[in-house]
Amino acid sequence: MTATWAEFAAKAFEPKDIFGDLGYEPTSKQKQFHAATEFDVLFGGAAGGGKVGR
């Protein structure tokens, strides 16, 4: 049986929890970044390090 395009698209594009699959737990600053609705998001500080505020 061949799947219809709609059946294929429904399966291929269903949301996946990629972060959960990777065991990713964002820091509070990273959560702010993920929640941002702006197109450009800038954080101050040195390059790298994920801006961990500990």
PDB file of N, CA and C in Angstrom:
ATOM      1  N   MET A   1       0.839  -1.175   0.000  1.00  0.00           N
ATOM      2  CA  MET A   1       0.000   0.000   0.000  1.00  0.00           C
ATOM      3  C   MET A   1       0.888   1.243   0.000  1.00  0.00           C
ATOM      4  N   THR A   2       0.606   2.160  -0.865  1.00  0.00           N
ATOM      5  CA  THR A   2       1.371   3.390  -0.966  1.00  0.00           C
ATOM      6  C   THR A   2       0.681   4.493  -0.169  1.00  0.00           C
ATOM      7  N   ALA A   3       1.467   5.224   0.608  1.00  0.00           N
ATOM      8  CA  ALA A   3       0.905   6.319   1.409  1.00  0.00           C
ATOM      9  C   ALA A   3       0.583   7.503   0.508  1.00  0.00           C
ATOM     10  N   THR A   4      -0.452   8.214   0.867  1.00  0.00           N
ATOM     11  CA  THR A   4      -0.778   9.441   0.141  1.00  0.00           C
ATOM     12  C   THR A   4       0.183  10.533   0.571  1.00  0.00           C
ATOM     13  N   TRP A   5       0.228  11.611  -0.215  1.00  0.00           N
ATOM     14  CA  TRP A   5       1.097  12.738   0.142  1.00  0.00           C
ATOM     15  C   TRP A   5       0.724  13.278   1.525  1.00  0.00           C
ATOM     16  N   ALA A   6      -0.559  13.390   1.819  1.00  0.00           N
ATOM     17  CA  ALA A   6      -0.995  13.916   3.116  1.00  0.00           C
ATOM     18  C   ALA A   6      -0.522  13.033   4.259  1.00  0.00           C
ATOM     19  N   GLU A   7      -0.571  11.728   4.084  1.00  0.00           N
ATOM     20  CA  GLU A   7      -0.095  10.803   5.128  1.00  0.00           C
ATOM     21  C   GLU A   7       1.410  10.929   5.313  1.00  0.00           C
ATOM     22  N   PHE A   8       2.128  11.028   4.186  1.00  0.00           N
ATOM     23  CA  PHE A   8       3.583  11.198   4.256  1.00  0.00           C
ATOM     24  C   PHE A   8       3.941  12.496   4.973  1.00  0.00           C
ATOM     25  N   ALA A   9       3.286  13.601   4.558  1.00  0.00           N
ATOM     26  CA  ALA A   9       3.587  14.905   5.138  1.00  0.00           C
ATOM     27  C   ALA A   9       3.260  14.938   6.628  1.00  0.00           C
ATOM     28  N   ALA A  10       2.150  14.317   7.025  1.00  0.00           N
ATOM     29  CA  ALA A  10       1.772  14.311   8.438  1.00  0.00           C
ATOM     30  C   ALA A  10       2.836  13.614   9.282  1.00  0.00           C
ATOM     31  N   LYS A  11       3.398  12.525   8.776  1.00  0.00           N
ATOM     32  CA  LYS A  11       4.428  11.800   9.528  1.00  0.00           C
ATOM     33  C   LYS A  11       5.779  12.507   9.443  1.00  0.00           C
ATOM     34  N   ALA A  12       6.143  12.970   8.253  1.00  0.00           N
ATOM     35  CA  ALA A  12       7.461  13.575   8.049  1.00  0.00           C
ATOM     36  C   ALA A  12       7.632  14.887   8.794  1.00  0.00           C
ATOM     37  N   PHE A  13       6.546  15.624   8.974  1.00  0.00           N
ATOM     38  CA  PHE A  13       6.658  16.949   9.566  1.00  0.00           C
ATOM     39  C   PHE A  13       6.045  17.050  10.955  1.00  0.00           C
ATOM     40  N   GLU A  14       5.815  15.912  11.608  1.00  0.00           N
ATOM     41  CA  GLU A  14       5.291  15.990  12.974  1.00  0.00           C
ATOM     42  C   GLU A  14       6.394  16.502  13.886  1.00  0.00           C
ATOM     43  N   PRO A  15       6.038  17.330  14.881  1.00  0.00           N
ATOM     44  CA  PRO A  15       7.042  17.916  15.764  1.00  0.00           C
ATOM     45  C   PRO A  15       7.833  16.838  16.510  1.00  0.00           C
ATOM     46  N   LYS A  16       9.120  17.084  16.642  1.00  0.00           N
ATOM     47  CA  LYS A  16       9.993  16.166  17.374  1.00  0.00           C
ATOM     48  C   LYS A  16      10.687  16.937  18.493  1.00  0.00           C
ATOM     49  N   ASP A  17      10.972  16.262  19.580  1.00  0.00           N
ATOM     50  CA  ASP A  17      11.678  16.873  20.706  1.00  0.00           C
ATOM     51  C   ASP A  17      13.172  16.601  20.531  1.00  0.00           C
ATOM     52  N   ILE A  18      13.812  17.356  19.643  1.00  0.00           N
ATOM     53  CA  ILE A  18      15.228  17.143  19.359  1.00  0.00           C
ATOM     54  C   ILE A  18      16.077  17.400  20.601  1.00  0.00           C
ATOM     55  N   PHE A  19      15.790  18.492  21.322  1.00  0.00           N
ATOM     56  CA  PHE A  19      16.568  18.793  22.524  1.00  0.00           C
ATOM     57  C   PHE A  19      16.455  17.671  23.539  1.00  0.00           C
ATOM     58  N   GLY A  20      15.253  17.142  23.722  1.00  0.00           N
ATOM     59  CA  GLY A  20      15.057  16.034  24.658  1.00  0.00           C
ATOM     60  C   GLY A  20      15.817  14.795  24.236  1.00  0.00           C
ATOM     61  N   ASP A  21      15.820  14.516  22.925  1.00  0.00           N
ATOM     62  CA  ASP A  21      16.560  13.353  22.420  1.00  0.00           C
ATOM     63  C   ASP A  21      18.056  13.481  22.684  1.00  0.00           C
ATOM     64  N   LEU A  22      18.559  14.712  22.676  1.00  0.00           N
ATOM     65  CA  LEU A  22      19.991  14.950  22.894  1.00  0.00           C
ATOM     66  C   LEU A  22      20.355  15.094  24.365  1.00  0.00           C
ATOM     67  N   GLY A  23      19.358  15.165  25.242  1.00  0.00           N
ATOM     68  CA  GLY A  23      19.628  15.361  26.664  1.00  0.00           C
ATOM     69  C   GLY A  23      20.033  16.795  26.975  1.00  0.00           C
ATOM     70  N   TYR A  24      19.604  17.747  26.126  1.00  0.00           N
ATOM     71  CA  TYR A  24      19.953  19.164  26.272  1.00  0.00           C
ATOM     72  C   TYR A  24      19.101  19.805  27.350  1.00  0.00           C
ATOM     73  N   GLU A  25      19.733  20.442  28.311  1.00  0.00           N
ATOM     74  CA  GLU A  25      19.033  21.173  29.369  1.00  0.00           C
ATOM     75  C   GLU A  25      19.570  22.607  29.344  1.00  0.00           C
ATOM     76  N   PRO A  26      18.797  23.555  28.783  1.00  0.00           N
ATOM     77  CA  PRO A  26      19.300  24.918  28.638  1.00  0.00           C
ATOM     78  C   PRO A  26      19.461  25.629  29.975  1.00  0.00           C
ATOM     79  N   THR A  27      20.435  26.541  30.015  1.00  0.00           N
ATOM     80  CA  THR A  27      20.620  27.398  31.189  1.00  0.00           C
ATOM     81  C   THR A  27      19.525  28.464  31.173  1.00  0.00           C
ATOM     82  N   SER A  28      19.445  29.272  32.221  1.00  0.00           N
ATOM     83  CA  SER A  28      18.418  30.308  32.274  1.00  0.00           C
ATOM     84  C   SER A  28      18.595  31.319  31.140  1.00  0.00           C
ATOM     85  N   LYS A  29      19.827  31.694  30.812  1.00  0.00           N
ATOM     86  CA  LYS A  29      20.081  32.617  29.700  1.00  0.00           C
ATOM     87  C   LYS A  29      19.687  31.976  28.376  1.00  0.00           C
ATOM     88  N   GLN A  30      19.970  30.700  28.197  1.00  0.00           N
ATOM     89  CA  GLN A  30      19.605  30.011  26.966  1.00  0.00           C
ATOM     90  C   GLN A  30      18.080  29.911  26.837  1.00  0.00           C
ATOM     91  N   LYS A  31      17.388  29.722  27.960  1.00  0.00           N
ATOM     92  CA  LYS A  31      15.922  29.693  27.937  1.00  0.00           C
ATOM     93  C   LYS A  31      15.372  31.047  27.498  1.00  0.00           C
ATOM     94  N   GLN A  32      15.995  32.141  27.951  1.00  0.00           N
ATOM     95  CA  GLN A  32      15.587  33.474  27.511  1.00  0.00           C
ATOM     96  C   GLN A  32      15.757  33.600  25.998  1.00  0.00           C
ATOM     97  N   PHE A  33      16.865  33.088  25.486  1.00  0.00           N
ATOM     98  CA  PHE A  33      17.122  33.134  24.045  1.00  0.00           C
ATOM     99  C   PHE A  33      16.063  32.344  23.276  1.00  0.00           C
ATOM    100  N   HIS A  34      15.768  31.133  23.719  1.00  0.00           N
ATOM    101  CA  HIS A  34      14.792  30.288  23.034  1.00  0.00           C
ATOM    102  C   HIS A  34      13.395  30.912  23.057  1.00  0.00           C
ATOM    103  N   ALA A  35      13.078  31.657  24.113  1.00  0.00           N
ATOM    104  CA  ALA A  35      11.756  32.252  24.250  1.00  0.00           C
ATOM    105  C   ALA A  35      11.617  33.589  23.514  1.00  0.00           C
ATOM    106  N   ALA A  36      12.721  34.125  23.011  1.00  0.00           N
ATOM    107  CA  ALA A  36      12.691  35.436  22.362  1.00  0.00           C
ATOM    108  C   ALA A  36      11.825  35.413  21.103  1.00  0.00           C
ATOM    109  N   THR A  37      11.086  36.474  20.908  1.00  0.00           N
ATOM    110  CA  THR A  37      10.249  36.591  19.712  1.00  0.00           C
ATOM    111  C   THR A  37      10.874  37.536  18.679  1.00  0.00           C
ATOM    112  N   GLU A  38      11.938  38.222  19.058  1.00  0.00           N
ATOM    113  CA  GLU A  38      12.629  39.130  18.149  1.00  0.00           C
ATOM    114  C   GLU A  38      13.467  38.334  17.151  1.00  0.00           C
ATOM    115  N   PHE A  39      13.730  38.941  16.001  1.00  0.00           N
ATOM    116  CA  PHE A  39      14.547  38.284  14.979  1.00  0.00           C
ATOM    117  C   PHE A  39      16.019  38.291  15.371  1.00  0.00           C
ATOM    118  N   ASP A  40      16.515  39.424  15.899  1.00  0.00           N
ATOM    119  CA  ASP A  40      17.910  39.554  16.317  1.00  0.00           C
ATOM    120  C   ASP A  40      17.986  39.552  17.831  1.00  0.00           C
ATOM    121  N   VAL A  41      18.789  38.663  18.383  1.00  0.00           N
ATOM    122  CA  VAL A  41      18.966  38.575  19.835  1.00  0.00           C
ATOM    123  C   VAL A  41      20.454  38.651  20.125  1.00  0.00           C
ATOM    124  N   LEU A  42      20.860  39.608  20.946  1.00  0.00           N
ATOM    125  CA  LEU A  42      22.267  39.797  21.280  1.00  0.00           C
ATOM    126  C   LEU A  42      22.464  39.661  22.783  1.00  0.00           C
ATOM    127  N   PHE A  43      23.541  38.990  23.177  1.00  0.00           N
ATOM    128  CA  PHE A  43      23.927  38.889  24.581  1.00  0.00           C
ATOM    129  C   PHE A  43      25.314  39.476  24.726  1.00  0.00           C
ATOM    130  N   GLY A  44      25.546  40.190  25.800  1.00  0.00           N
ATOM    131  CA  GLY A  44      26.862  40.757  26.052  1.00  0.00           C
ATOM    132  C   GLY A  44      27.787  39.726  26.667  1.00  0.00           C
ATOM    133  N   GLY A  45      29.065  40.063  26.737  1.00  0.00           N
ATOM    134  CA  GLY A  45      30.033  39.180  27.374  1.00  0.00           C
ATOM    135  C   GLY A  45      30.999  38.571  26.369  1.00  0.00           C
ATOM    136  N   ALA A  46      31.911  37.794  26.888  1.00  0.00           N
ATOM    137  CA  ALA A  46      32.921  37.156  26.056  1.00  0.00           C
ATOM    138  C   ALA A  46      32.282  36.145  25.110  1.00  0.00           C
ATOM    139  N   ALA A  47      32.925  35.893  23.981  1.00  0.00           N
ATOM    140  CA  ALA A  47      32.420  34.928  23.008  1.00  0.00           C
ATOM    141  C   ALA A  47      32.465  33.522  23.596  1.00  0.00           C
ATOM    142  N   GLY A  48      31.472  32.719  23.255  1.00  0.00           N
ATOM    143  CA  GLY A  48      31.448  31.314  23.702  1.00  0.00           C
ATOM    144  C   GLY A  48      30.918  31.173  25.110  1.00  0.00           C
ATOM    145  N   GLY A  49      30.887  29.958  25.566  1.00  0.00           N
ATOM    146  CA  GLY A  49      30.514  29.682  26.946  1.00  0.00           C
ATOM    147  C   GLY A  49      29.021  29.569  27.188  1.00  0.00           C
ATOM    148  N   GLY A  50      28.188  29.872  26.205  1.00  0.00           N
ATOM    149  CA  GLY A  50      26.749  29.747  26.379  1.00  0.00           C
ATOM    150  C   GLY A  50      26.152  30.754  27.339  1.00  0.00           C
ATOM    151  N   LYS A  51      26.940  31.737  27.749  1.00  0.00           N
ATOM    152  CA  LYS A  51      26.476  32.799  28.657  1.00  0.00           C
ATOM    153  C   LYS A  51      25.856  32.225  29.920  1.00  0.00           C
ATOM    154  N   VAL A  52      26.582  31.345  30.551  1.00  0.00           N
ATOM    155  CA  VAL A  52      26.118  30.714  31.780  1.00  0.00           C
ATOM    156  C   VAL A  52      26.249  31.718  32.928  1.00  0.00           C
ATOM    157  N   GLY A  53      25.122  32.061  33.533  1.00  0.00           N
ATOM    158  CA  GLY A  53      25.133  32.995  34.650  1.00  0.00           C
ATOM    159  C   GLY A  53      25.066  32.248  35.965  1.00  0.00           C
ATOM    160  N   ARG A  54      26.197  31.879  36.496  1.00  0.00           N
ATOM    161  CA  ARG A  54      26.206  31.106  37.744  1.00  0.00           C
ATOM    162  C   ARG A  54      26.735  31.926  38.868  1.00  0.00           C
TER     163      ARG A  54
END
